């Protein structure tokens, strides 16, 4: 059964993840966007919040369960 569970998790990718790249942050499996402006983005997930502060922040990609934020990211706070 563990093999089936691992395969299911790989296919469905249900886990909350944050991928950080130069001037980009990709968040997968978020719950909601609580706040957004060009200096601050607050993303809610099942266990808390991610607060992204910076300048010229832009949502470059917005899907049902994935968001890509680009701009001059200064810090990322997990709550």
PDB file of N, CA and C in Angstrom:
ATOM      1  N   UNK A   1       0.815  -1.209   0.000  1.00  0.00           N
ATOM      2  CA  UNK A   1       0.000   0.000   0.000  1.00  0.00           C
ATOM      3  C   UNK A   1       0.857   1.272   0.000  1.00  0.00           C
ATOM      4  N   UNK A   2       2.034   1.219   0.599  1.00  0.00           N
ATOM      5  CA  UNK A   2       2.870   2.414   0.633  1.00  0.00           C
ATOM      6  C   UNK A   2       3.277   2.843  -0.768  1.00  0.00           C
ATOM      7  N   UNK A   3       3.507   1.894  -1.638  1.00  0.00           N
ATOM      8  CA  UNK A   3       3.864   2.222  -3.014  1.00  0.00           C
ATOM      9  C   UNK A   3       2.723   2.972  -3.694  1.00  0.00           C
ATOM     10  N   UNK A   4       1.507   2.543  -3.471  1.00  0.00           N
ATOM     11  CA  UNK A   4       0.342   3.216  -4.047  1.00  0.00           C
ATOM     12  C   UNK A   4       0.200   4.615  -3.472  1.00  0.00           C
ATOM     13  N   UNK A   5       0.414   4.780  -2.165  1.00  0.00           N
ATOM     14  CA  UNK A   5       0.337   6.105  -1.535  1.00  0.00           C
ATOM     15  C   UNK A   5       1.400   7.040  -2.091  1.00  0.00           C
ATOM     16  N   UNK A   6       2.610   6.552  -2.267  1.00  0.00           N
ATOM     17  CA  UNK A   6       3.677   7.380  -2.831  1.00  0.00           C
ATOM     18  C   UNK A   6       3.368   7.780  -4.265  1.00  0.00           C
ATOM     19  N   UNK A   7       2.852   6.848  -5.029  1.00  0.00           N
ATOM     20  CA  UNK A   7       2.486   7.138  -6.413  1.00  0.00           C
ATOM     21  C   UNK A   7       1.360   8.173  -6.469  1.00  0.00           C
ATOM     22  N   UNK A   8       0.367   8.024  -5.604  1.00  0.00           N
ATOM     23  CA  UNK A   8      -0.757   8.971  -5.544  1.00  0.00           C
ATOM     24  C   UNK A   8      -0.262  10.371  -5.174  1.00  0.00           C
ATOM     25  N   UNK A   9       0.605  10.462  -4.174  1.00  0.00           N
ATOM     26  CA  UNK A   9       1.155  11.756  -3.771  1.00  0.00           C
ATOM     27  C   UNK A   9       1.986  12.390  -4.879  1.00  0.00           C
ATOM     28  N   UNK A  10       2.711  11.570  -5.627  1.00  0.00           N
ATOM     29  CA  UNK A  10       3.506  12.086  -6.737  1.00  0.00           C
ATOM     30  C   UNK A  10       2.602  12.641  -7.834  1.00  0.00           C
ATOM     31  N   UNK A  11       1.551  11.920  -8.155  1.00  0.00           N
ATOM     32  CA  UNK A  11       0.638  12.336  -9.224  1.00  0.00           C
ATOM     33  C   UNK A  11      -0.168  13.566  -8.805  1.00  0.00           C
ATOM     34  N   UNK A  12      -0.747  13.547  -7.614  1.00  0.00           N
ATOM     35  CA  UNK A  12      -1.642  14.618  -7.172  1.00  0.00           C
ATOM     36  C   UNK A  12      -0.909  15.819  -6.593  1.00  0.00           C
ATOM     37  N   UNK A  13       0.292  15.618  -6.103  1.00  0.00           N
ATOM     38  CA  UNK A  13       1.101  16.690  -5.526  1.00  0.00           C
ATOM     39  C   UNK A  13       0.266  17.556  -4.572  1.00  0.00           C
ATOM     40  N   UNK A  14      -0.177  16.952  -3.481  1.00  0.00           N
ATOM     41  CA  UNK A  14      -1.044  17.612  -2.513  1.00  0.00           C
ATOM     42  C   UNK A  14      -0.280  18.423  -1.475  1.00  0.00           C
ATOM     43  N   UNK A  15       1.022  18.270  -1.404  1.00  0.00           N
ATOM     44  CA  UNK A  15       1.816  18.919  -0.375  1.00  0.00           C
ATOM     45  C   UNK A  15       2.057  20.396  -0.705  1.00  0.00           C
ATOM     46  N   UNK A  16       1.971  21.248   0.306  1.00  0.00           N
ATOM     47  CA  UNK A  16       2.263  22.672   0.157  1.00  0.00           C
ATOM     48  C   UNK A  16       3.759  22.843  -0.041  1.00  0.00           C
ATOM     49  N   UNK A  17       4.144  23.548  -1.103  1.00  0.00           N
ATOM     50  CA  UNK A  17       5.565  23.765  -1.361  1.00  0.00           C
ATOM     51  C   UNK A  17       5.821  25.209  -1.793  1.00  0.00           C
ATOM     52  N   UNK A  18       7.017  25.676  -1.442  1.00  0.00           N
ATOM     53  CA  UNK A  18       7.493  26.992  -1.874  1.00  0.00           C
ATOM     54  C   UNK A  18       8.824  26.775  -2.575  1.00  0.00           C
ATOM     55  N   UNK A  19       8.918  27.251  -3.802  1.00  0.00           N
ATOM     56  CA  UNK A  19      10.171  27.191  -4.555  1.00  0.00           C
ATOM     57  C   UNK A  19      10.655  28.616  -4.739  1.00  0.00           C
ATOM     58  N   UNK A  20      11.895  28.872  -4.323  1.00  0.00           N
ATOM     59  CA  UNK A  20      12.458  30.217  -4.378  1.00  0.00           C
ATOM     60  C   UNK A  20      13.546  30.260  -5.443  1.00  0.00           C
ATOM     61  N   UNK A  21      13.390  31.190  -6.360  1.00  0.00           N
ATOM     62  CA  UNK A  21      14.342  31.419  -7.444  1.00  0.00           C
ATOM     63  C   UNK A  21      14.758  32.887  -7.391  1.00  0.00           C
ATOM     64  N   UNK A  22      15.780  33.271  -8.121  1.00  0.00           N
ATOM     65  CA  UNK A  22      16.138  34.699  -8.148  1.00  0.00           C
ATOM     66  C   UNK A  22      14.963  35.544  -8.660  1.00  0.00           C
ATOM     67  N   UNK A  23      14.477  36.434  -7.827  1.00  0.00           N
ATOM     68  CA  UNK A  23      13.371  37.345  -8.133  1.00  0.00           C
ATOM     69  C   UNK A  23      12.061  36.646  -8.481  1.00  0.00           C
ATOM     70  N   UNK A  24      11.886  35.403  -8.032  1.00  0.00           N
ATOM     71  CA  UNK A  24      10.645  34.655  -8.266  1.00  0.00           C
ATOM     72  C   UNK A  24      10.362  33.753  -7.084  1.00  0.00           C
ATOM     73  N   UNK A  25       9.079  33.599  -6.778  1.00  0.00           N
ATOM     74  CA  UNK A  25       8.644  32.647  -5.758  1.00  0.00           C
ATOM     75  C   UNK A  25       7.448  31.899  -6.324  1.00  0.00           C
ATOM     76  N   UNK A  26       7.559  30.587  -6.357  1.00  0.00           N
ATOM     77  CA  UNK A  26       6.475  29.745  -6.847  1.00  0.00           C
ATOM     78  C   UNK A  26       5.879  29.005  -5.653  1.00  0.00           C
ATOM     79  N   UNK A  27       4.583  29.136  -5.452  1.00  0.00           N
ATOM     80  CA  UNK A  27       3.896  28.495  -4.325  1.00  0.00           C
ATOM     81  C   UNK A  27       2.851  27.549  -4.896  1.00  0.00           C
ATOM     82  N   UNK A  28       2.875  26.296  -4.423  1.00  0.00           N
ATOM     83  CA  UNK A  28       1.966  25.267  -4.905  1.00  0.00           C
ATOM     84  C   UNK A  28       1.104  24.780  -3.746  1.00  0.00           C
ATOM     85  N   UNK A  29      -0.164  24.575  -4.025  1.00  0.00           N
ATOM     86  CA  UNK A  29      -1.159  24.071  -3.075  1.00  0.00           C
ATOM     87  C   UNK A  29      -1.446  25.059  -1.944  1.00  0.00           C
ATOM     88  N   UNK A  30      -1.702  26.298  -2.314  1.00  0.00           N
ATOM     89  CA  UNK A  30      -2.112  27.309  -1.343  1.00  0.00           C
ATOM     90  C   UNK A  30      -3.631  27.282  -1.204  1.00  0.00           C
ATOM     91  N   UNK A  31      -4.129  27.911  -0.152  1.00  0.00           N
ATOM     92  CA  UNK A  31      -5.575  27.941   0.104  1.00  0.00           C
ATOM     93  C   UNK A  31      -6.206  29.213  -0.429  1.00  0.00           C
ATOM     94  N   UNK A  32      -5.585  30.378  -0.118  1.00  0.00           N
ATOM     95  CA  UNK A  32      -6.148  31.651  -0.574  1.00  0.00           C
ATOM     96  C   UNK A  32      -5.068  32.737  -0.575  1.00  0.00           C
ATOM     97  N   UNK A  33      -5.390  33.822  -1.265  1.00  0.00           N
ATOM     98  CA  UNK A  33      -4.543  35.014  -1.260  1.00  0.00           C
ATOM     99  C   UNK A  33      -5.232  36.009  -0.342  1.00  0.00           C
ATOM    100  N   UNK A  34      -4.638  36.285   0.811  1.00  0.00           N
ATOM    101  CA  UNK A  34      -5.260  37.182   1.793  1.00  0.00           C
ATOM    102  C   UNK A  34      -4.982  38.653   1.517  1.00  0.00           C
ATOM    103  N   UNK A  35      -3.835  38.957   0.929  1.00  0.00           N
ATOM    104  CA  UNK A  35      -3.478  40.352   0.657  1.00  0.00           C
ATOM    105  C   UNK A  35      -2.525  40.372  -0.526  1.00  0.00           C
ATOM    106  N   UNK A  36      -2.687  41.400  -1.358  1.00  0.00           N
ATOM    107  CA  UNK A  36      -1.765  41.560  -2.472  1.00  0.00           C
ATOM    108  C   UNK A  36      -1.655  43.023  -2.860  1.00  0.00           C
ATOM    109  N   UNK A  37      -0.446  43.542  -2.849  1.00  0.00           N
ATOM    110  CA  UNK A  37      -0.131  44.825  -3.476  1.00  0.00           C
ATOM    111  C   UNK A  37       1.311  44.740  -3.949  1.00  0.00           C
ATOM    112  N   UNK A  38       1.866  45.806  -4.475  1.00  0.00           N
ATOM    113  CA  UNK A  38       3.200  45.703  -5.068  1.00  0.00           C
ATOM    114  C   UNK A  38       4.337  45.662  -4.038  1.00  0.00           C
ATOM    115  N   UNK A  39       4.007  45.728  -2.735  1.00  0.00           N
ATOM    116  CA  UNK A  39       5.029  45.642  -1.686  1.00  0.00           C
ATOM    117  C   UNK A  39       4.853  44.438  -0.766  1.00  0.00           C
ATOM    118  N   UNK A  40       3.663  43.832  -0.772  1.00  0.00           N
ATOM    119  CA  UNK A  40       3.410  42.738   0.163  1.00  0.00           C
ATOM    120  C   UNK A  40       2.373  41.771  -0.412  1.00  0.00           C
ATOM    121  N   UNK A  41       2.656  40.472  -0.250  1.00  0.00           N
ATOM    122  CA  UNK A  41       1.715  39.423  -0.650  1.00  0.00           C
ATOM    123  C   UNK A  41       1.584  38.467   0.526  1.00  0.00           C
ATOM    124  N   UNK A  42       0.338  38.160   0.907  1.00  0.00           N
ATOM    125  CA  UNK A  42       0.073  37.212   1.988  1.00  0.00           C
ATOM    126  C   UNK A  42      -0.704  36.042   1.393  1.00  0.00           C
ATOM    127  N   UNK A  43      -0.109  34.864   1.466  1.00  0.00           N
ATOM    128  CA  UNK A  43      -0.698  33.642   0.928  1.00  0.00           C
ATOM    129  C   UNK A  43      -1.029  32.715   2.091  1.00  0.00           C
ATOM    130  N   UNK A  44      -2.239  32.234   2.123  1.00  0.00           N
ATOM    131  CA  UNK A  44      -2.696  31.323   3.180  1.00  0.00           C
ATOM    132  C   UNK A  44      -2.564  29.887   2.677  1.00  0.00           C
ATOM    133  N   UNK A  45      -2.156  28.992   3.572  1.00  0.00           N
ATOM    134  CA  UNK A  45      -2.136  27.554   3.289  1.00  0.00           C
ATOM    135  C   UNK A  45      -2.727  26.836   4.490  1.00  0.00           C
ATOM    136  N   UNK A  46      -2.872  25.535   4.391  1.00  0.00           N
ATOM    137  CA  UNK A  46      -3.602  24.799   5.433  1.00  0.00           C
ATOM    138  C   UNK A  46      -2.970  24.880   6.814  1.00  0.00           C
ATOM    139  N   UNK A  47      -1.664  25.163   6.896  1.00  0.00           N
ATOM    140  CA  UNK A  47      -0.978  25.216   8.187  1.00  0.00           C
ATOM    141  C   UNK A  47      -0.589  26.620   8.640  1.00  0.00           C
ATOM    142  N   UNK A  48      -0.915  27.656   7.860  1.00  0.00           N
ATOM    143  CA  UNK A  48      -0.535  29.005   8.257  1.00  0.00           C
ATOM    144  C   UNK A  48      -0.507  29.968   7.090  1.00  0.00           C
ATOM    145  N   UNK A  49       0.461  30.889   7.126  1.00  0.00           N
ATOM    146  CA  UNK A  49       0.581  31.925   6.113  1.00  0.00           C
ATOM    147  C   UNK A  49       2.026  32.087   5.660  1.00  0.00           C
ATOM    148  N   UNK A  50       2.172  32.590   4.445  1.00  0.00           N
ATOM    149  CA  UNK A  50       3.455  33.002   3.909  1.00  0.00           C
ATOM    150  C   UNK A  50       3.325  34.484   3.585  1.00  0.00           C
ATOM    151  N   UNK A  51       4.222  35.301   4.128  1.00  0.00           N
ATOM    152  CA  UNK A  51       4.199  36.742   3.872  1.00  0.00           C
ATOM    153  C   UNK A  51       5.460  37.083   3.078  1.00  0.00           C
ATOM    154  N   UNK A  52       5.246  37.665   1.915  1.00  0.00           N
ATOM    155  CA  UNK A  52       6.345  38.037   1.026  1.00  0.00           C
ATOM    156  C   UNK A  52       6.393  39.550   0.964  1.00  0.00           C
ATOM    157  N   UNK A  53       7.527  40.124   1.321  1.00  0.00           N
ATOM    158  CA  UNK A  53       7.723  41.573   1.262  1.00  0.00           C
ATOM    159  C   UNK A  53       8.773  41.892   0.207  1.00  0.00           C
ATOM    160  N   UNK A  54       8.571  43.010  -0.486  1.00  0.00           N
ATOM    161  CA  UNK A  54       9.523  43.420  -1.500  1.00  0.00           C
ATOM    162  C   UNK A  54       9.025  44.638  -2.256  1.00  0.00           C
ATOM    163  N   UNK A  55       9.559  44.827  -3.437  1.00  0.00           N
ATOM    164  CA  UNK A  55       9.167  45.939  -4.304  1.00  0.00           C
ATOM    165  C   UNK A  55       8.771  45.403  -5.672  1.00  0.00           C
ATOM    166  N   UNK A  56       7.820  46.077  -6.286  1.00  0.00           N
ATOM    167  CA  UNK A  56       7.356  45.708  -7.627  1.00  0.00           C
ATOM    168  C   UNK A  56       6.920  44.249  -7.712  1.00  0.00           C
ATOM    169  N   UNK A  57       6.222  43.762  -6.692  1.00  0.00           N
ATOM    170  CA  UNK A  57       5.746  42.382  -6.694  1.00  0.00           C
ATOM    171  C   UNK A  57       4.559  42.257  -7.650  1.00  0.00           C
ATOM    172  N   UNK A  58       4.601  41.228  -8.477  1.00  0.00           N
ATOM    173  CA  UNK A  58       3.585  41.003  -9.496  1.00  0.00           C
ATOM    174  C   UNK A  58       3.228  39.523  -9.506  1.00  0.00           C
ATOM    175  N   UNK A  59       1.942  39.220  -9.639  1.00  0.00           N
ATOM    176  CA  UNK A  59       1.527  37.834  -9.838  1.00  0.00           C
ATOM    177  C   UNK A  59       1.690  37.537 -11.329  1.00  0.00           C
ATOM    178  N   UNK A  60       2.681  36.733 -11.659  1.00  0.00           N
ATOM    179  CA  UNK A  60       2.973  36.415 -13.057  1.00  0.00           C
ATOM    180  C   UNK A  60       2.174  35.223 -13.558  1.00  0.00           C
ATOM    181  N   UNK A  61       1.812  34.328 -12.641  1.00  0.00           N
ATOM    182  CA  UNK A  61       1.000  33.170 -13.014  1.00  0.00           C
ATOM    183  C   UNK A  61       0.067  32.865 -11.853  1.00  0.00           C
ATOM    184  N   UNK A  62      -1.188  32.657 -12.164  1.00  0.00           N
ATOM    185  CA  UNK A  62      -2.182  32.352 -11.136  1.00  0.00           C
ATOM    186  C   UNK A  62      -3.038  31.199 -11.633  1.00  0.00           C
ATOM    187  N   UNK A  63      -2.901  30.066 -10.970  1.00  0.00           N
ATOM    188  CA  UNK A  63      -3.700  28.891 -11.282  1.00  0.00           C
ATOM    189  C   UNK A  63      -4.522  28.531 -10.054  1.00  0.00           C
ATOM    190  N   UNK A  64      -5.351  27.547 -10.176  1.00  0.00           N
ATOM    191  CA  UNK A  64      -6.219  27.142  -9.078  1.00  0.00           C
ATOM    192  C   UNK A  64      -5.440  26.818  -7.806  1.00  0.00           C
ATOM    193  N   UNK A  65      -4.289  26.174  -7.936  1.00  0.00           N
ATOM    194  CA  UNK A  65      -3.518  25.765  -6.762  1.00  0.00           C
ATOM    195  C   UNK A  65      -2.054  26.198  -6.818  1.00  0.00           C
ATOM    196  N   UNK A  66      -1.729  27.101  -7.745  1.00  0.00           N
ATOM    197  CA  UNK A  66      -0.337  27.527  -7.897  1.00  0.00           C
ATOM    198  C   UNK A  66      -0.276  29.015  -8.223  1.00  0.00           C
ATOM    199  N   UNK A  67       0.722  29.695  -7.646  1.00  0.00           N
ATOM    200  CA  UNK A  67       0.915  31.122  -7.903  1.00  0.00           C
ATOM    201  C   UNK A  67       2.413  31.385  -8.071  1.00  0.00           C
ATOM    202  N   UNK A  68       2.749  32.221  -9.042  1.00  0.00           N
ATOM    203  CA  UNK A  68       4.128  32.644  -9.260  1.00  0.00           C
ATOM    204  C   UNK A  68       4.190  34.143  -9.052  1.00  0.00           C
ATOM    205  N   UNK A  69       5.028  34.554  -8.113  1.00  0.00           N
ATOM    206  CA  UNK A  69       5.193  35.971  -7.778  1.00  0.00           C
ATOM    207  C   UNK A  69       6.593  36.386  -8.218  1.00  0.00           C
ATOM    208  N   UNK A  70       6.668  37.461  -8.978  1.00  0.00           N
ATOM    209  CA  UNK A  70       7.959  37.979  -9.427  1.00  0.00           C
ATOM    210  C   UNK A  70       8.143  39.391  -8.896  1.00  0.00           C
ATOM    211  N   UNK A  71       9.379  39.830  -8.833  1.00  0.00           N
ATOM    212  CA  UNK A  71       9.700  41.165  -8.358  1.00  0.00           C
ATOM    213  C   UNK A  71      10.954  41.139  -7.505  1.00  0.00           C
ATOM    214  N   UNK A  72      11.210  42.250  -6.855  1.00  0.00           N
ATOM    215  CA  UNK A  72      12.375  42.399  -5.986  1.00  0.00           C
ATOM    216  C   UNK A  72      11.990  41.933  -4.580  1.00  0.00           C
ATOM    217  N   UNK A  73      12.167  40.654  -4.313  1.00  0.00           N
ATOM    218  CA  UNK A  73      11.773  40.055  -3.033  1.00  0.00           C
ATOM    219  C   UNK A  73      12.808  40.399  -1.973  1.00  0.00           C
ATOM    220  N   UNK A  74      12.351  41.002  -0.882  1.00  0.00           N
ATOM    221  CA  UNK A  74      13.243  41.375   0.227  1.00  0.00           C
ATOM    222  C   UNK A  74      13.282  40.302   1.311  1.00  0.00           C
ATOM    223  N   UNK A  75      12.106  39.773   1.685  1.00  0.00           N
ATOM    224  CA  UNK A  75      12.079  38.699   2.681  1.00  0.00           C
ATOM    225  C   UNK A  75      10.804  37.882   2.555  1.00  0.00           C
ATOM    226  N   UNK A  76      10.871  36.679   3.134  1.00  0.00           N
ATOM    227  CA  UNK A  76       9.752  35.748   3.169  1.00  0.00           C
ATOM    228  C   UNK A  76       9.571  35.318   4.613  1.00  0.00           C
ATOM    229  N   UNK A  77       8.362  35.452   5.104  1.00  0.00           N
ATOM    230  CA  UNK A  77       8.069  35.102   6.501  1.00  0.00           C
ATOM    231  C   UNK A  77       7.039  33.994   6.517  1.00  0.00           C
ATOM    232  N   UNK A  78       7.303  32.949   7.298  1.00  0.00           N
ATOM    233  CA  UNK A  78       6.371  31.838   7.471  1.00  0.00           C
ATOM    234  C   UNK A  78       5.722  31.952   8.833  1.00  0.00           C
ATOM    235  N   UNK A  79       4.417  31.869   8.864  1.00  0.00           N
ATOM    236  CA  UNK A  79       3.679  31.913  10.142  1.00  0.00           C
ATOM    237  C   UNK A  79       2.818  30.705  10.279  1.00  0.00           C
TER     238      UNK A  79
END
